[in-house]
PDB file of N, CA and C in Angstrom:
ATOM      1  N   MET A   1      51.334  62.344-115.830  1.00  0.00           N
ATOM      2  CA  MET A   1      52.681  62.084-116.573  1.00  0.00           C
ATOM      3  C   MET A   1      52.657  61.208-117.470  1.00  0.00           C
ATOM      4  N   THR A   2      53.182  61.344-119.037  1.00  0.00           N
ATOM      5  CA  THR A   2      53.261  60.604-119.853  1.00  0.00           C
ATOM      6  C   THR A   2      54.506  59.643-119.968  1.00  0.00           C
ATOM      7  N   ASP A   3      53.994  58.390-119.935  1.00  0.00           N
ATOM      8  CA  ASP A   3      55.645  57.533-120.374  1.00  0.00           C
ATOM      9  C   ASP A   3      56.056  57.965-121.715  1.00  0.00           C
ATOM     10  N   THR A   4      57.314  58.219-122.030  1.00  0.00           N
ATOM     11  CA  THR A   4      57.776  58.470-123.473  1.00  0.00           C
ATOM     12  C   THR A   4      58.520  57.658-123.614  1.00  0.00           C
ATOM     13  N   THR A   5      58.810  56.634-122.974  1.00  0.00           N
ATOM     14  CA  THR A   5      60.131  55.277-123.315  1.00  0.00           C
ATOM     15  C   THR A   5      59.822  54.804-124.703  1.00  0.00           C
ATOM     16  N   ALA A   6      58.655  54.682-125.026  1.00  0.00           N
ATOM     17  CA  ALA A   6      58.430  53.939-126.410  1.00  0.00           C
ATOM     18  C   ALA A   6      58.914  55.110-127.479  1.00  0.00           C
ATOM     19  N   THR A   7      58.680  55.897-127.050  1.00  0.00           N
ATOM     20  CA  THR A   7      58.972  57.357-128.295  1.00  0.00           C
ATOM     21  C   THR A   7      60.460  57.874-128.459  1.00  0.00           C
ATOM     22  N   GLU A   8      61.285  57.608-126.970  1.00  0.00           N
ATOM     23  CA  GLU A   8      62.791  57.700-126.867  1.00  0.00           C
ATOM     24  C   GLU A   8      63.413  56.690-127.173  1.00  0.00           C
ATOM     25  N   THR A   9      62.954  55.509-127.707  1.00  0.00           N
ATOM     26  CA  THR A   9      64.125  54.292-127.982  1.00  0.00           C
ATOM     27  C   THR A   9      64.707  54.795-129.657  1.00  0.00           C
ATOM     28  N   ASN A  10      65.990  54.960-129.474  1.00  0.00           N
ATOM     29  CA  ASN A  10      66.624  55.350-130.512  1.00  0.00           C
ATOM     30  C   ASN A  10      67.193  53.938-131.583  1.00  0.00           C
ATOM     31  N   HIS A  11      66.330  53.994-132.588  1.00  0.00           N
ATOM     32  CA  HIS A  11      66.444  53.032-133.681  1.00  0.00           C
ATOM     33  C   HIS A  11      67.815  53.190-134.352  1.00  0.00           C
ATOM     34  N   THR A  12      68.815  52.494-134.733  1.00  0.00           N
ATOM     35  CA  THR A  12      69.578  52.339-135.727  1.00  0.00           C
ATOM     36  C   THR A  12      69.116  51.726-136.931  1.00  0.00           C
ATOM     37  N   HIS A  13      69.960  52.241-138.080  1.00  0.00           N
ATOM     38  CA  HIS A  13      69.730  51.671-139.141  1.00  0.00           C
ATOM     39  C   HIS A  13      71.073  51.377-139.993  1.00  0.00           C
ATOM     40  N   GLY A  14      70.998  50.534-140.775  1.00  0.00           N
ATOM     41  CA  GLY A  14      72.164  50.233-141.814  1.00  0.00           C
ATOM     42  C   GLY A  14      73.320  49.459-141.108  1.00  0.00           C
ATOM     43  N   LYS A  15      74.410  50.326-141.483  1.00  0.00           N
ATOM     44  CA  LYS A  15      75.683  49.737-141.088  1.00  0.00           C
ATOM     45  C   LYS A  15      75.655  49.676-139.529  1.00  0.00           C
ATOM     46  N   GLN A  16      74.928  50.183-138.718  1.00  0.00           N
ATOM     47  CA  GLN A  16      75.157  50.291-136.998  1.00  0.00           C
ATOM     48  C   GLN A  16      74.802  49.260-136.711  1.00  0.00           C
ATOM     49  N   VAL A  17      73.497  48.900-137.503  1.00  0.00           N
ATOM     50  CA  VAL A  17      72.590  47.736-136.755  1.00  0.00           C
ATOM     51  C   VAL A  17      73.342  46.231-137.305  1.00  0.00           C
ATOM     52  N   MET A  18      74.097  46.549-138.192  1.00  0.00           N
ATOM     53  CA  MET A  18      75.051  45.172-138.220  1.00  0.00           C
ATOM     54  C   MET A  18      76.297  44.818-137.453  1.00  0.00           C
ATOM     55  N   GLN A  19      76.788  46.315-137.192  1.00  0.00           N
ATOM     56  CA  GLN A  19      77.633  45.933-136.517  1.00  0.00           C
ATOM     57  C   GLN A  19      77.344  45.777-135.000  1.00  0.00           C
ATOM     58  N   ASP A  20      76.124  46.124-134.730  1.00  0.00           N
ATOM     59  CA  ASP A  20      75.522  45.707-133.210  1.00  0.00           C
ATOM     60  C   ASP A  20      75.309  44.541-133.111  1.00  0.00           C
ATOM     61  N   ILE A  21      74.783  43.764-134.264  1.00  0.00           N
ATOM     62  CA  ILE A  21      74.315  42.134-134.117  1.00  0.00           C
ATOM     63  C   ILE A  21      75.413  41.271-134.585  1.00  0.00           C
ATOM     64  N   ALA A  22      76.626  41.843-135.029  1.00  0.00           N
ATOM     65  CA  ALA A  22      77.572  41.031-135.576  1.00  0.00           C
ATOM     66  C   ALA A  22      78.135  39.830-134.325  1.00  0.00           C
ATOM     67  N   PRO A  23      78.745  40.745-133.043  1.00  0.00           N
ATOM     68  CA  PRO A  23      79.135  39.811-131.878  1.00  0.00           C
ATOM     69  C   PRO A  23      78.281  38.894-131.574  1.00  0.00           C
ATOM     70  N   LEU A  24      76.795  39.374-131.662  1.00  0.00           N
ATOM     71  CA  LEU A  24      76.032  38.501-131.147  1.00  0.00           C
ATOM     72  C   LEU A  24      75.451  37.036-131.624  1.00  0.00           C
ATOM     73  N   SER A  25      75.792  37.339-132.902  1.00  0.00           N
ATOM     74  CA  SER A  25      75.562  36.436-134.269  1.00  0.00           C
ATOM     75  C   SER A  25      76.566  35.330-134.090  1.00  0.00           C
ATOM     76  N   ARG A  26      78.061  35.995-133.876  1.00  0.00           N
ATOM     77  CA  ARG A  26      79.108  35.320-134.034  1.00  0.00           C
ATOM     78  C   ARG A  26      78.862  34.147-132.663  1.00  0.00           C
ATOM     79  N   SER A  27      78.659  34.592-131.443  1.00  0.00           N
ATOM     80  CA  SER A  27      78.681  33.684-130.185  1.00  0.00           C
ATOM     81  C   SER A  27      77.408  32.546-130.435  1.00  0.00           C
ATOM     82  N   LEU A  28      76.358  32.866-131.068  1.00  0.00           N
ATOM     83  CA  LEU A  28      75.171  32.085-131.371  1.00  0.00           C
ATOM     84  C   LEU A  28      75.928  30.727-132.577  1.00  0.00           C
ATOM     85  N   ARG A  29      76.507  31.647-133.495  1.00  0.00           N
ATOM     86  CA  ARG A  29      77.253  30.714-134.316  1.00  0.00           C
ATOM     87  C   ARG A  29      77.984  29.660-133.735  1.00  0.00           C
ATOM     88  N   LYS A  30      78.690  29.811-132.921  1.00  0.00           N
ATOM     89  CA  LYS A  30      79.643  29.140-132.161  1.00  0.00           C
ATOM     90  C   LYS A  30      78.894  27.773-131.659  1.00  0.00           C
ATOM     91  N   ALA A  31      77.547  28.434-131.093  1.00  0.00           N
ATOM     92  CA  ALA A  31      76.722  27.365-130.288  1.00  0.00           C
ATOM     93  C   ALA A  31      76.088  26.355-131.311  1.00  0.00           C
ATOM     94  N   ILE A  32      75.719  26.691-132.566  1.00  0.00           N
ATOM     95  CA  ILE A  32      74.793  26.065-133.287  1.00  0.00           C
ATOM     96  C   ILE A  32      74.890  26.194-134.657  1.00  0.00           C
ATOM     97  N   PRO A  33      76.532  25.932-134.976  1.00  0.00           N
ATOM     98  CA  PRO A  33      77.193  26.001-136.342  1.00  0.00           C
ATOM     99  C   PRO A  33      76.243  25.229-137.274  1.00  0.00           C
ATOM    100  N   ASP A  34      75.504  24.236-137.052  1.00  0.00           N
ATOM    101  CA  ASP A  34      75.086  23.570-138.182  1.00  0.00           C
ATOM    102  C   ASP A  34      73.877  24.039-138.497  1.00  0.00           C
ATOM    103  N   VAL A  35      72.942  24.689-137.766  1.00  0.00           N
ATOM    104  CA  VAL A  35      72.019  25.951-138.069  1.00  0.00           C
ATOM    105  C   VAL A  35      72.178  26.426-139.161  1.00  0.00           C
ATOM    106  N   TYR A  36      73.322  27.537-138.472  1.00  0.00           N
ATOM    107  CA  TYR A  36      73.976  28.587-139.222  1.00  0.00           C
ATOM    108  C   TYR A  36      74.269  28.295-140.901  1.00  0.00           C
ATOM    109  N   ALA A  37      74.879  27.114-140.895  1.00  0.00           N
ATOM    110  CA  ALA A  37      75.600  26.521-142.033  1.00  0.00           C
ATOM    111  C   ALA A  37      74.550  26.172-143.021  1.00  0.00           C
ATOM    112  N   GLY A  38      73.334  25.689-142.587  1.00  0.00           N
ATOM    113  CA  GLY A  38      72.002  25.442-143.344  1.00  0.00           C
ATOM    114  C   GLY A  38      71.578  26.662-143.744  1.00  0.00           C
ATOM    115  N   PHE A  39      71.453  27.558-142.905  1.00  0.00           N
ATOM    116  CA  PHE A  39      70.667  29.053-143.330  1.00  0.00           C
ATOM    117  C   PHE A  39      71.552  29.429-144.244  1.00  0.00           C
ATOM    118  N   SER A  40      72.694  29.616-144.298  1.00  0.00           N
ATOM    119  CA  SER A  40      73.508  30.257-145.112  1.00  0.00           C
ATOM    120  C   SER A  40      73.525  29.622-146.659  1.00  0.00           C
ATOM    121  N   GLU A  41      73.278  28.224-146.821  1.00  0.00           N
ATOM    122  CA  GLU A  41      73.076  27.723-147.699  1.00  0.00           C
ATOM    123  C   GLU A  41      71.696  28.113-148.522  1.00  0.00           C
ATOM    124  N   LEU A  42      70.827  28.223-147.582  1.00  0.00           N
ATOM    125  CA  LEU A  42      69.375  28.540-148.057  1.00  0.00           C
ATOM    126  C   LEU A  42      69.362  29.953-148.718  1.00  0.00           C
ATOM    127  N   HIS A  43      70.181  30.685-147.756  1.00  0.00           N
ATOM    128  CA  HIS A  43      70.306  32.463-148.335  1.00  0.00           C
ATOM    129  C   HIS A  43      71.017  32.385-149.637  1.00  0.00           C
ATOM    130  N   LYS A  44      71.798  31.362-149.828  1.00  0.00           N
ATOM    131  CA  LYS A  44      72.841  31.459-151.023  1.00  0.00           C
ATOM    132  C   LYS A  44      71.794  31.235-152.152  1.00  0.00           C
ATOM    133  N   ALA A  45      70.858  29.921-151.904  1.00  0.00           N
ATOM    134  CA  ALA A  45      70.033  29.095-153.180  1.00  0.00           C
ATOM    135  C   ALA A  45      69.143  30.262-153.177  1.00  0.00           C
ATOM    136  N   ALA A  46      68.664  30.910-152.281  1.00  0.00           N
ATOM    137  CA  ALA A  46      67.107  31.580-152.679  1.00  0.00           C
ATOM    138  C   ALA A  46      67.571  32.940-153.265  1.00  0.00           C
ATOM    139  N   LEU A  47      68.645  33.438-152.979  1.00  0.00           N
ATOM    140  CA  LEU A  47      69.088  34.641-153.845  1.00  0.00           C
ATOM    141  C   LEU A  47      69.621  34.824-154.913  1.00  0.00           C
ATOM    142  N   ALA A  48      70.182  33.246-155.535  1.00  0.00           N
ATOM    143  CA  ALA A  48      70.877  32.979-156.490  1.00  0.00           C
ATOM    144  C   ALA A  48      69.868  33.511-157.746  1.00  0.00           C
ATOM    145  N   PRO A  49      70.996  34.241-158.918  1.00  0.00           N
ATOM    146  CA  PRO A  49      70.056  34.660-159.811  1.00  0.00           C
ATOM    147  C   PRO A  49      69.481  33.232-160.902  1.00  0.00           C
ATOM    148  N   GLY A  50      68.032  33.711-161.217  1.00  0.00           N
ATOM    149  CA  GLY A  50      67.475  32.392-161.749  1.00  0.00           C
ATOM    150  C   GLY A  50      66.318  33.621-162.660  1.00  0.00           C
ATOM    151  N   ALA A  51      65.197  33.030-162.768  1.00  0.00           N
ATOM    152  CA  ALA A  51      64.121  33.709-163.810  1.00  0.00           C
ATOM    153  C   ALA A  51      64.009  35.270-162.861  1.00  0.00           C
ATOM    154  N   LEU A  52      64.274  35.065-161.518  1.00  0.00           N
ATOM    155  CA  LEU A  52      64.528  36.892-161.192  1.00  0.00           C
ATOM    156  C   LEU A  52      66.031  36.931-160.847  1.00  0.00           C
ATOM    157  N   ASP A  53      66.479  38.140-161.010  1.00  0.00           N
ATOM    158  CA  ASP A  53      67.852  38.139-160.904  1.00  0.00           C
ATOM    159  C   ASP A  53      68.173  38.544-159.403  1.00  0.00           C
ATOM    160  N   THR A  54      69.276  38.711-158.797  1.00  0.00           N
ATOM    161  CA  THR A  54      69.470  38.890-157.447  1.00  0.00           C
ATOM    162  C   THR A  54      69.110  40.257-156.655  1.00  0.00           C
ATOM    163  N   ARG A  55      69.368  41.051-157.719  1.00  0.00           N
ATOM    164  CA  ARG A  55      68.836  42.615-157.449  1.00  0.00           C
ATOM    165  C   ARG A  55      67.448  42.602-156.938  1.00  0.00           C
ATOM    166  N   MET A  56      66.558  41.672-157.956  1.00  0.00           N
ATOM    167  CA  MET A  56      64.992  41.626-157.427  1.00  0.00           C
ATOM    168  C   MET A  56      64.761  41.156-156.309  1.00  0.00           C
ATOM    169  N   LYS A  57      65.505  39.704-156.403  1.00  0.00           N
ATOM    170  CA  LYS A  57      65.219  39.143-155.099  1.00  0.00           C
ATOM    171  C   LYS A  57      65.829  39.720-153.771  1.00  0.00           C
ATOM    172  N   GLU A  58      66.674  40.613-153.709  1.00  0.00           N
ATOM    173  CA  GLU A  58      67.032  41.397-152.739  1.00  0.00           C
ATOM    174  C   GLU A  58      65.959  42.632-152.599  1.00  0.00           C
ATOM    175  N   LEU A  59      65.401  43.442-153.340  1.00  0.00           N
ATOM    176  CA  LEU A  59      64.351  44.060-153.218  1.00  0.00           C
ATOM    177  C   LEU A  59      63.092  43.520-152.525  1.00  0.00           C
ATOM    178  N   ILE A  60      62.688  42.126-153.117  1.00  0.00           N
ATOM    179  CA  ILE A  60      61.579  41.449-152.297  1.00  0.00           C
ATOM    180  C   ILE A  60      61.828  41.237-151.125  1.00  0.00           C
ATOM    181  N   ALA A  61      63.285  40.761-150.749  1.00  0.00           N
ATOM    182  CA  ALA A  61      63.369  40.573-149.236  1.00  0.00           C
ATOM    183  C   ALA A  61      63.216  41.838-148.270  1.00  0.00           C
ATOM    184  N   LEU A  62      63.757  43.058-149.267  1.00  0.00           N
ATOM    185  CA  LEU A  62      63.835  44.108-148.183  1.00  0.00           C
ATOM    186  C   LEU A  62      62.488  44.499-147.998  1.00  0.00           C
ATOM    187  N   ALA A  63      61.386  44.583-148.853  1.00  0.00           N
ATOM    188  CA  ALA A  63      60.039  44.847-148.868  1.00  0.00           C
ATOM    189  C   ALA A  63      59.568  43.700-147.752  1.00  0.00           C
ATOM    190  N   ILE A  64      59.949  42.613-147.657  1.00  0.00           N
ATOM    191  CA  ILE A  64      59.248  41.792-146.697  1.00  0.00           C
ATOM    192  C   ILE A  64      60.183  42.154-144.998  1.00  0.00           C
ATOM    193  N   SER A  65      61.103  42.434-145.097  1.00  0.00           N
ATOM    194  CA  SER A  65      61.972  42.995-143.823  1.00  0.00           C
ATOM    195  C   SER A  65      60.875  44.134-143.377  1.00  0.00           C
ATOM    196  N   VAL A  66      60.655  45.225-144.380  1.00  0.00           N
ATOM    197  CA  VAL A  66      60.029  46.202-144.033  1.00  0.00           C
ATOM    198  C   VAL A  66      58.608  45.690-143.068  1.00  0.00           C
ATOM    199  N   VAL A  67      57.935  44.910-143.707  1.00  0.00           N
ATOM    200  CA  VAL A  67      56.541  44.302-143.060  1.00  0.00           C
ATOM    201  C   VAL A  67      56.701  43.713-141.883  1.00  0.00           C
ATOM    202  N   GLU A  68      57.982  42.835-141.917  1.00  0.00           N
ATOM    203  CA  GLU A  68      58.007  42.175-140.490  1.00  0.00           C
ATOM    204  C   GLU A  68      58.597  42.849-139.598  1.00  0.00           C
ATOM    205  N   GLU A  69      59.197  44.368-139.841  1.00  0.00           N
ATOM    206  CA  GLU A  69      59.547  45.047-138.985  1.00  0.00           C
ATOM    207  C   GLU A  69      60.782  44.675-138.105  1.00  0.00           C
ATOM    208  N   CYS A  70      61.707  43.966-139.234  1.00  0.00           N
ATOM    209  CA  CYS A  70      62.812  43.605-138.407  1.00  0.00           C
ATOM    210  C   CYS A  70      64.315  44.407-138.785  1.00  0.00           C
ATOM    211  N   ASP A  71      64.631  45.261-138.224  1.00  0.00           N
ATOM    212  CA  ASP A  71      65.515  46.252-138.360  1.00  0.00           C
ATOM    213  C   ASP A  71      67.084  45.319-138.835  1.00  0.00           C
ATOM    214  N   GLY A  72      67.087  44.339-138.221  1.00  0.00           N
ATOM    215  CA  GLY A  72      68.230  43.658-138.755  1.00  0.00           C
ATOM    216  C   GLY A  72      68.005  42.993-140.163  1.00  0.00           C
ATOM    217  N   CYS A  73      66.846  42.776-140.521  1.00  0.00           N
ATOM    218  CA  CYS A  73      66.797  41.914-141.696  1.00  0.00           C
ATOM    219  C   CYS A  73      66.869  43.319-143.072  1.00  0.00           C
ATOM    220  N   ILE A  74      66.235  44.294-142.563  1.00  0.00           N
ATOM    221  CA  ILE A  74      66.256  45.587-143.031  1.00  0.00           C
ATOM    222  C   ILE A  74      67.607  45.732-143.505  1.00  0.00           C
ATOM    223  N   ALA A  75      68.796  45.897-142.588  1.00  0.00           N
ATOM    224  CA  ALA A  75      70.166  46.119-142.740  1.00  0.00           C
ATOM    225  C   ALA A  75      70.732  45.339-143.653  1.00  0.00           C
ATOM    226  N   SER A  76      70.728  44.253-143.440  1.00  0.00           N
ATOM    227  CA  SER A  76      71.071  43.013-144.357  1.00  0.00           C
ATOM    228  C   SER A  76      70.550  43.074-146.001  1.00  0.00           C
ATOM    229  N   HIS A  77      69.347  43.266-146.099  1.00  0.00           N
ATOM    230  CA  HIS A  77      69.164  43.408-147.224  1.00  0.00           C
ATOM    231  C   HIS A  77      68.729  44.907-147.970  1.00  0.00           C
ATOM    232  N   ALA A  78      69.161  45.702-147.353  1.00  0.00           N
ATOM    233  CA  ALA A  78      69.507  47.163-147.925  1.00  0.00           C
ATOM    234  C   ALA A  78      70.901  47.044-148.172  1.00  0.00           C
ATOM    235  N   ARG A  79      71.681  46.462-147.426  1.00  0.00           N
ATOM    236  CA  ARG A  79      73.024  45.889-147.954  1.00  0.00           C
ATOM    237  C   ARG A  79      73.004  45.018-149.268  1.00  0.00           C
ATOM    238  N   GLY A  80      72.358  44.235-149.347  1.00  0.00           N
ATOM    239  CA  GLY A  80      72.386  43.258-150.647  1.00  0.00           C
ATOM    240  C   GLY A  80      71.720  43.904-151.842  1.00  0.00           C
ATOM    241  N   ALA A  81      70.940  44.467-151.777  1.00  0.00           N
ATOM    242  CA  ALA A  81      70.003  45.568-152.655  1.00  0.00           C
ATOM    243  C   ALA A  81      71.227  46.502-152.846  1.00  0.00           C
ATOM    244  N   ALA A  82      72.109  47.069-152.232  1.00  0.00           N
ATOM    245  CA  ALA A  82      72.881  47.860-152.697  1.00  0.00           C
ATOM    246  C   ALA A  82      74.222  47.481-153.403  1.00  0.00           C
ATOM    247  N   ARG A  83      74.544  46.064-153.026  1.00  0.00           N
ATOM    248  CA  ARG A  83      75.768  45.575-153.709  1.00  0.00           C
ATOM    249  C   ARG A  83      75.071  44.938-155.162  1.00  0.00           C
ATOM    250  N   ALA A  84      73.784  44.515-155.088  1.00  0.00           N
ATOM    251  CA  ALA A  84      73.164  43.750-156.217  1.00  0.00           C
ATOM    252  C   ALA A  84      72.928  44.880-157.465  1.00  0.00           C
ATOM    253  N   GLY A  85      73.125  46.105-157.153  1.00  0.00           N
ATOM    254  CA  GLY A  85      73.092  47.492-157.951  1.00  0.00           C
ATOM    255  C   GLY A  85      71.390  48.112-158.347  1.00  0.00           C
ATOM    256  N   ALA A  86      70.821  47.601-157.179  1.00  0.00           N
ATOM    257  CA  ALA A  86      69.551  48.508-157.017  1.00  0.00           C
ATOM    258  C   ALA A  86      69.622  49.896-156.934  1.00  0.00           C
ATOM    259  N   THR A  87      68.920  50.476-157.497  1.00  0.00           N
ATOM    260  CA  THR A  87      68.677  52.091-157.326  1.00  0.00           C
ATOM    261  C   THR A  87      67.919  52.722-156.378  1.00  0.00           C
ATOM    262  N   ARG A  88      67.727  53.810-155.815  1.00  0.00           N
ATOM    263  CA  ARG A  88      67.148  54.238-154.915  1.00  0.00           C
ATOM    264  C   ARG A  88      65.935  54.387-155.631  1.00  0.00           C
ATOM    265  N   GLU A  89      65.623  54.709-156.702  1.00  0.00           N
ATOM    266  CA  GLU A  89      64.337  54.613-157.324  1.00  0.00           C
ATOM    267  C   GLU A  89      63.411  53.380-157.223  1.00  0.00           C
ATOM    268  N   GLU A  90      64.416  52.405-157.361  1.00  0.00           N
ATOM    269  CA  GLU A  90      63.756  50.899-157.327  1.00  0.00           C
ATOM    270  C   GLU A  90      63.565  50.548-155.887  1.00  0.00           C
ATOM    271  N   VAL A  91      64.421  51.154-154.675  1.00  0.00           N
ATOM    272  CA  VAL A  91      64.335  50.908-153.527  1.00  0.00           C
ATOM    273  C   VAL A  91      62.616  51.690-152.788  1.00  0.00           C
ATOM    274  N   ALA A  92      62.901  52.714-153.551  1.00  0.00           N
ATOM    275  CA  ALA A  92      62.099  53.684-152.806  1.00  0.00           C
ATOM    276  C   ALA A  92      60.359  53.150-153.577  1.00  0.00           C
ATOM    277  N   GLU A  93      60.144  52.382-154.641  1.00  0.00           N
ATOM    278  CA  GLU A  93      59.242  51.912-154.993  1.00  0.00           C
ATOM    279  C   GLU A  93      58.904  50.766-154.638  1.00  0.00           C
ATOM    280  N   ALA A  94      59.728  49.925-154.211  1.00  0.00           N
ATOM    281  CA  ALA A  94      59.516  48.538-153.765  1.00  0.00           C
ATOM    282  C   ALA A  94      59.054  48.895-151.895  1.00  0.00           C
ATOM    283  N   ILE A  95      59.418  49.736-151.409  1.00  0.00           N
ATOM    284  CA  ILE A  95      58.942  50.495-150.345  1.00  0.00           C
ATOM    285  C   ILE A  95      57.699  50.759-150.383  1.00  0.00           C
ATOM    286  N   GLY A  96      57.468  51.621-151.223  1.00  0.00           N
ATOM    287  CA  GLY A  96      55.936  52.048-151.657  1.00  0.00           C
ATOM    288  C   GLY A  96      55.034  50.662-151.754  1.00  0.00           C
ATOM    289  N   VAL A  97      55.280  49.690-152.218  1.00  0.00           N
ATOM    290  CA  VAL A  97      54.246  48.582-152.411  1.00  0.00           C
ATOM    291  C   VAL A  97      54.076  48.046-150.936  1.00  0.00           C
ATOM    292  N   THR A  98      55.175  48.144-150.138  1.00  0.00           N
ATOM    293  CA  THR A  98      54.939  47.626-148.430  1.00  0.00           C
ATOM    294  C   THR A  98      54.072  48.572-148.154  1.00  0.00           C
ATOM    295  N   ILE A  99      54.118  49.684-148.510  1.00  0.00           N
ATOM    296  CA  ILE A  99      52.992  50.620-147.551  1.00  0.00           C
ATOM    297  C   ILE A  99      51.500  50.513-148.090  1.00  0.00           C
ATOM    298  N   LEU A 100      51.656  49.931-149.578  1.00  0.00           N
ATOM    299  CA  LEU A 100      50.092  49.766-149.991  1.00  0.00           C
ATOM    300  C   LEU A 100      49.588  48.679-149.039  1.00  0.00           C
ATOM    301  N   MET A 101      50.483  47.600-148.731  1.00  0.00           N
ATOM    302  CA  MET A 101      50.081  46.270-148.399  1.00  0.00           C
ATOM    303  C   MET A 101      50.363  46.212-146.998  1.00  0.00           C
ATOM    304  N   ALA A 102      51.129  46.865-146.116  1.00  0.00           N
ATOM    305  CA  ALA A 102      51.084  47.057-144.829  1.00  0.00           C
ATOM    306  C   ALA A 102      50.603  48.007-144.186  1.00  0.00           C
ATOM    307  N   GLY A 103      50.273  49.250-144.749  1.00  0.00           N
ATOM    308  CA  GLY A 103      49.533  50.271-144.131  1.00  0.00           C
ATOM    309  C   GLY A 103      50.573  50.948-143.063  1.00  0.00           C
ATOM    310  N   GLY A 104      49.996  51.590-142.064  1.00  0.00           N
ATOM    311  CA  GLY A 104      50.847  52.266-141.085  1.00  0.00           C
ATOM    312  C   GLY A 104      52.397  51.832-140.858  1.00  0.00           C
ATOM    313  N   PRO A 105      52.234  50.558-140.373  1.00  0.00           N
ATOM    314  CA  PRO A 105      53.615  50.210-140.096  1.00  0.00           C
ATOM    315  C   PRO A 105      54.733  50.600-140.763  1.00  0.00           C
ATOM    316  N   ALA A 106      54.344  50.027-142.090  1.00  0.00           N
ATOM    317  CA  ALA A 106      55.250  50.535-143.104  1.00  0.00           C
ATOM    318  C   ALA A 106      55.754  51.815-143.441  1.00  0.00           C
ATOM    319  N   THR A 107      55.183  52.616-142.989  1.00  0.00           N
ATOM    320  CA  THR A 107      55.399  54.088-143.081  1.00  0.00           C
ATOM    321  C   THR A 107      56.228  54.293-142.074  1.00  0.00           C
ATOM    322  N   VAL A 108      56.366  53.607-140.983  1.00  0.00           N
ATOM    323  CA  VAL A 108      57.636  53.526-139.743  1.00  0.00           C
ATOM    324  C   VAL A 108      58.872  52.964-140.357  1.00  0.00           C
ATOM    325  N   TYR A 109      58.808  51.935-141.013  1.00  0.00           N
ATOM    326  CA  TYR A 109      60.046  51.014-141.163  1.00  0.00           C
ATOM    327  C   TYR A 109      60.158  51.189-142.482  1.00  0.00           C
ATOM    328  N   GLY A 110      59.460  51.530-143.593  1.00  0.00           N
ATOM    329  CA  GLY A 110      60.048  52.032-144.963  1.00  0.00           C
ATOM    330  C   GLY A 110      61.078  52.817-144.942  1.00  0.00           C
ATOM    331  N   PRO A 111      60.860  54.035-144.183  1.00  0.00           N
ATOM    332  CA  PRO A 111      61.747  55.201-144.003  1.00  0.00           C
ATOM    333  C   PRO A 111      63.164  54.340-143.343  1.00  0.00           C
ATOM    334  N   ARG A 112      63.068  53.474-142.635  1.00  0.00           N
ATOM    335  CA  ARG A 112      64.240  53.058-141.888  1.00  0.00           C
ATOM    336  C   ARG A 112      65.141  52.308-142.876  1.00  0.00           C
ATOM    337  N   ALA A 113      64.203  51.307-143.852  1.00  0.00           N
ATOM    338  CA  ALA A 113      64.822  50.480-145.004  1.00  0.00           C
ATOM    339  C   ALA A 113      65.573  51.461-145.855  1.00  0.00           C
ATOM    340  N   PHE A 114      64.848  52.515-146.199  1.00  0.00           N
ATOM    341  CA  PHE A 114      65.333  53.453-147.170  1.00  0.00           C
ATOM    342  C   PHE A 114      66.979  54.274-146.437  1.00  0.00           C
ATOM    343  N   SER A 115      66.800  54.683-145.552  1.00  0.00           N
ATOM    344  CA  SER A 115      67.943  55.073-144.805  1.00  0.00           C
ATOM    345  C   SER A 115      68.903  54.136-144.658  1.00  0.00           C
ATOM    346  N   ALA A 116      68.535  53.006-144.624  1.00  0.00           N
ATOM    347  CA  ALA A 116      69.661  51.950-144.554  1.00  0.00           C
ATOM    348  C   ALA A 116      70.142  51.349-145.635  1.00  0.00           C
ATOM    349  N   PHE A 117      69.349  51.670-146.773  1.00  0.00           N
ATOM    350  CA  PHE A 117      70.035  51.409-148.042  1.00  0.00           C
ATOM    351  C   PHE A 117      70.724  52.497-148.581  1.00  0.00           C
ATOM    352  N   GLU A 118      70.400  53.793-148.169  1.00  0.00           N
ATOM    353  CA  GLU A 118      71.535  54.857-148.390  1.00  0.00           C
ATOM    354  C   GLU A 118      72.591  54.836-148.141  1.00  0.00           C
ATOM    355  N   ASP A 119      72.492  54.257-146.665  1.00  0.00           N
ATOM    356  CA  ASP A 119      73.628  54.083-145.782  1.00  0.00           C
ATOM    357  C   ASP A 119      75.033  53.162-146.548  1.00  0.00           C
ATOM    358  N   PHE A 120      74.006  51.972-146.885  1.00  0.00           N
ATOM    359  CA  PHE A 120      75.429  51.046-147.784  1.00  0.00           C
ATOM    360  C   PHE A 120      75.693  51.476-149.338  1.00  0.00           C
ATOM    361  N   VAL A 121      74.368  52.500-149.927  1.00  0.00           N
ATOM    362  CA  VAL A 121      74.856  52.574-151.455  1.00  0.00           C
ATOM    363  C   VAL A 121      75.806  53.584-151.402  1.00  0.00           C
ATOM    364  N   GLU A 122      75.842  54.722-150.073  1.00  0.00           N
ATOM    365  CA  GLU A 122      77.113  55.781-150.094  1.00  0.00           C
ATOM    366  C   GLU A 122      78.213  55.396-149.738  1.00  0.00           C
ATOM    367  N   GLY A 123      78.342  54.218-148.988  1.00  0.00           N
ATOM    368  CA  GLY A 123      79.737  53.838-148.596  1.00  0.00           C
ATOM    369  C   GLY A 123      80.078  52.514-148.329  1.00  0.00           C
TER     370      GLY A 123
END
């Protein structure tokens, strides 16, 4: 008999991940507000336009999210990329670079990232 638990795991993408994480984040944020405030400031500073615009920075963050295999990060930066005006073609090419650099795992998390982006760009 084969254990199919790992293959039956249901992964959500995009908006659903954000909805699932929100109540957990709120609870922890109440316990450690200074940490979250510091992270929020870092987030704003890192993604602020400079030599690279916010769209490019969100694409970089999305690519790193794929390599890190983090569904919550993927959802957050897919949303950020969509809000910053990234195109499907730009997202696809950024994911293509992750496949080059990370190999097989990126062929699993890359499609999740593309699906998440489409979730946010469409609605």
